[in-house]
Amino acid sequence: MEEIKDEIKDIIVGLEQRITAYETKLKDFKKKRERLNEEIATIEKYLELAKTLYRVEADKAKLASLSSQIISDETGAPPLPVTDVTDQSKEILLGRSKYVGMSVPDAAFIIFRETRGPMHAKELCQRLLEGGMQIRGKTPVTSIATSLKRDPRFKKVGPNTFANVESTEKSVNASG
């Protein structure tokens, strides 16, 4: 009887070790998957940028060939200028992958510095998503609000409405 108890204990210990090993491996794989998802998002943005630059350069070439054929129109005005490629590429690259890989509070801090005023978590959520951030959870607005409540850089100024502590201190100092 004692042998059976020892054997069962050995089996249980072995199973516990296996469970721990599987949980650790699963956690590692999930971390790798997140890193890969972020890398994929970045590559997709670069691909989009390259395609846009290609279209812009192709349009430039068409305009150049047209402008060489038409030196000026009937009024003598020069041809229309070509759109600035660097501005378009910067907007695509920075605009849609601006917050990839950042934490919610860090990205929110940047947004609050740019807007210089309080913002509702719903609007903040929209800006974060537009900036390429992936927010996990079934209720992203609540997740964002919770993250900001826990971070000392932010102050709750209304229902689900937050402000950067620096900007609220500056406005208090300016009025006082």
Foldseek 3Di string as FASTA:
>chain_A
DVVVVVVVVVVVVVVVVVVVVVVVVVVVVVVVVLVVVLVVLLVVLVVVLVVVLVVLVVVVVVVVVVCVVPVADPVRDGDDDRDDSVVVSCCSNCQQQVCRPHDLVVVVVVVLVVVLDKDALVVSVVSCVRNNYDADDPDRSVVSLVVQVPDPQWDDPDVNIIHGPVSVVVVVVVVD
